[in-house]
Amino acid sequence: MSKKLKHVEKYVESGEQIKFLSRGVFKEWLIVTDKKAYIVKKGFWTGNIFQTSLFKIQLNRLDAVNATTGIFWGHLELVTAGVHEKANWPNAARNCIVFHKGKMKINFNQAMEYINSKISKPEAPGFSMNPADEILKFKKLLDEGAITQDEFEKQKAKLLK
């Protein structure tokens, strides 16, 4: 295992696989696993003089991941309900990490794409992924005569897989 991974593996919970690991401009790291995103910060410029700050969240609990870029650097922000810390200093916000606009941006873009693929999308109005609710909807259609018994059984079997 590389020295880079050994340094941050202590923050990752057992059973998780690291997908992306990127160092920010300051003493900060973005760790993305198959289940969670972590931002680890140390040092004066991150607002953590005497301690380490750890922000972690399950990927499916995130609302969004945003990135903004300036002339020399940008920042990546993990957005979730109840965490609004970016303000004027993203380097000190526990849910943001600052990156150089050049080479680092590629790593952060890849991590952002992966995180976005794991974020739970809101359900469409009137649509439920709960199999029991879906079966009840099909039962109602069956009782109304809108579908046949055979169609109901097929849909029920599909939902119970």
Protein backbone atom coordinates (compact mmCIF):
# COMPACT_ATOMS: atom_id res chain seq x y z
CA MET A 1 0.00 0.00 0.00
CA SER A 2 1.32 3.44 -0.89
CA LYS A 3 2.33 5.93 1.77
CA LYS A 4 -0.48 8.20 0.56
CA LEU A 5 -3.10 5.52 1.27
CA LYS A 6 -1.64 4.55 4.65
CA HIS A 7 -1.96 8.16 5.77
CA VAL A 8 -5.72 8.28 5.15
CA GLU A 9 -6.84 4.67 5.54
CA LYS A 10 -7.35 5.22 9.28
CA TYR A 11 -10.30 7.49 8.46
CA VAL A 12 -12.06 4.98 6.18
CA GLU A 13 -14.41 2.52 7.84
CA SER A 14 -13.64 -1.18 7.42
CA GLY A 15 -15.31 -2.93 4.52
CA GLU A 16 -15.18 0.14 2.28
CA GLN A 17 -13.17 0.27 -0.92
CA ILE A 18 -11.38 3.53 -1.80
CA LYS A 19 -12.40 4.66 -5.30
CA PHE A 20 -10.77 8.12 -5.36
CA LEU A 21 -8.18 9.84 -3.22
CA SER A 22 -7.08 13.40 -3.93
CA ARG A 23 -5.11 15.92 -1.94
CA GLY A 24 -6.33 19.50 -1.89
CA VAL A 25 -4.29 22.71 -1.99
CA PHE A 26 -3.91 22.85 1.78
CA LYS A 27 -3.50 19.93 4.18
CA GLU A 28 -6.80 18.38 3.08
CA TRP A 29 -7.84 15.17 1.38
CA LEU A 30 -10.94 14.00 -0.45
CA ILE A 31 -11.53 10.28 -0.01
CA VAL A 32 -14.37 8.66 -1.93
CA THR A 33 -15.21 5.04 -1.21
CA ASP A 34 -17.88 2.80 -2.63
CA LYS A 35 -20.19 3.96 0.20
CA LYS A 36 -19.07 7.32 1.59
CA ALA A 37 -17.27 10.56 0.88
CA TYR A 38 -14.75 11.90 3.40
CA ILE A 39 -13.01 15.25 3.65
CA VAL A 40 -10.07 15.28 6.04
CA LYS A 41 -8.49 18.63 6.97
CA LYS A 42 -5.43 19.58 9.04
CA GLY A 43 -3.50 22.77 9.60
CA PHE A 44 -3.90 26.49 9.93
CA TRP A 45 -5.26 27.26 6.44
CA THR A 46 -8.11 24.82 6.90
CA GLY A 47 -9.12 26.27 10.27
CA ASN A 48 -7.75 23.26 12.17
CA ILE A 49 -4.62 24.40 13.98
CA PHE A 50 -4.48 21.76 16.73
CA GLN A 51 -6.76 19.01 15.44
CA THR A 52 -7.97 17.13 12.40
CA SER A 53 -11.41 17.81 10.98
CA LEU A 54 -13.29 14.88 9.47
CA PHE A 55 -16.45 15.30 7.41
CA LYS A 56 -18.04 12.06 6.21
CA ILE A 57 -21.34 11.25 4.61
CA GLN A 58 -22.95 8.32 2.84
CA LEU A 59 -23.01 8.94 -0.91
CA ASN A 60 -26.74 8.23 -1.16
CA ARG A 61 -27.44 10.89 1.50
CA LEU A 62 -25.87 13.69 -0.53
CA ASP A 63 -28.13 16.17 -2.31
CA ALA A 64 -25.46 17.38 -4.73
CA VAL A 65 -21.77 17.86 -5.34
CA ASN A 66 -20.74 21.25 -6.70
CA ALA A 67 -17.46 22.55 -8.06
CA THR A 68 -16.49 26.11 -8.83
CA THR A 69 -13.23 27.31 -10.34
CA GLY A 70 -11.43 30.61 -10.29
CA ILE A 71 -8.25 31.77 -11.98
CA PHE A 72 -5.85 29.51 -10.07
CA TRP A 73 -7.96 27.14 -8.00
CA GLY A 74 -11.44 25.98 -7.30
CA HIS A 75 -13.32 24.12 -4.65
CA LEU A 76 -15.54 21.07 -4.47
CA GLU A 77 -18.52 21.17 -2.10
CA LEU A 78 -20.50 18.21 -0.79
CA VAL A 79 -24.06 19.47 -0.36
CA THR A 80 -26.54 17.89 2.02
CA ALA A 81 -29.45 19.11 4.13
CA GLY A 82 -28.29 20.93 7.24
CA VAL A 83 -24.71 21.56 6.08
CA HIS A 84 -24.24 25.05 4.66
CA GLU A 85 -20.73 26.08 5.59
CA LYS A 86 -19.08 27.29 2.38
CA ALA A 87 -19.55 31.01 3.10
CA ASN A 88 -16.54 33.09 2.00
CA TRP A 89 -13.85 30.61 3.01
CA PRO A 90 -14.33 27.17 1.43
CA ASN A 91 -10.91 26.10 2.71
CA ALA A 92 -12.25 26.32 6.29
CA ALA A 93 -15.69 24.77 5.59
CA ARG A 94 -15.71 21.11 6.60
CA ASN A 95 -17.79 20.06 3.55
CA CYS A 96 -15.51 21.77 0.97
CA ILE A 97 -12.05 21.07 -0.40
CA VAL A 98 -9.86 23.45 -2.41
CA PHE A 99 -8.00 22.21 -5.50
CA HIS A 100 -5.57 23.65 -8.08
CA LYS A 101 -7.26 24.40 -11.36
CA GLY A 102 -4.71 22.42 -13.40
CA LYS A 103 -3.79 18.78 -12.85
CA MET A 104 -5.80 18.34 -9.65
CA LYS A 105 -9.03 19.36 -11.38
CA ILE A 106 -8.99 16.13 -13.42
CA ASN A 107 -8.96 13.99 -10.26
CA PHE A 108 -11.71 16.05 -8.68
CA ASN A 109 -13.86 15.88 -11.84
CA GLN A 110 -13.57 12.07 -11.85
CA ALA A 111 -14.51 11.93 -8.17
CA MET A 112 -17.42 14.29 -8.81
CA GLU A 113 -18.75 12.12 -11.64
CA TYR A 114 -18.55 9.02 -9.44
CA ILE A 115 -20.29 10.75 -6.52
CA ASN A 116 -23.03 12.08 -8.81
CA SER A 117 -23.67 8.56 -10.09
CA LYS A 118 -24.28 7.40 -6.49
CA ILE A 119 -26.50 10.25 -5.32
CA SER A 120 -30.09 9.14 -4.81
CA LYS A 121 -32.36 10.82 -7.29
CA PRO A 122 -35.69 12.13 -6.01
CA GLU A 123 -38.67 10.01 -6.91
CA ALA A 124 -41.12 11.25 -9.50
CA PRO A 125 -44.46 12.38 -8.06
CA GLY A 126 -46.81 9.44 -7.54
CA PHE A 127 -44.03 6.89 -8.00
CA SER A 128 -42.74 4.70 -5.20
CA MET A 129 -39.91 2.19 -5.24
CA ASN A 130 -41.47 0.38 -2.29
CA PRO A 131 -42.61 -3.01 -3.72
CA ALA A 132 -45.55 -3.26 -1.31
CA ASP A 133 -46.89 0.13 -2.43
CA GLU A 134 -46.45 -0.80 -6.09
CA ILE A 135 -48.27 -4.12 -5.61
CA LEU A 136 -51.17 -2.26 -3.96
CA LYS A 137 -51.35 0.08 -6.96
CA PHE A 138 -51.50 -2.88 -9.34
CA LYS A 139 -54.12 -4.58 -7.10
CA LYS A 140 -56.25 -1.45 -7.34
CA LEU A 141 -55.91 -1.51 -11.15
CA LEU A 142 -56.89 -5.19 -11.11
CA ASP A 143 -59.95 -4.49 -8.95
CA GLU A 144 -60.97 -1.66 -11.29
CA GLY A 145 -60.63 -3.97 -14.29
CA ALA A 146 -57.85 -1.91 -15.86
CA ILE A 147 -55.48 -4.92 -15.94
CA THR A 148 -56.02 -8.69 -16.05
CA GLN A 149 -55.18 -11.18 -13.30
CA ASP A 150 -52.29 -12.43 -15.46
CA GLU A 151 -50.85 -8.90 -15.83
CA PHE A 152 -51.19 -8.38 -12.08
CA GLU A 153 -49.31 -11.63 -11.32
CA LYS A 154 -46.50 -10.72 -13.75
CA GLN A 155 -46.04 -7.28 -12.19
CA LYS A 156 -46.18 -8.71 -8.69
CA ALA A 157 -43.54 -11.34 -9.52
CA LYS A 158 -41.30 -8.68 -11.08
CA LEU A 159 -41.58 -6.47 -7.98
CA LEU A 160 -40.85 -9.32 -5.58
CA LYS A 161 -37.60 -10.35 -7.33
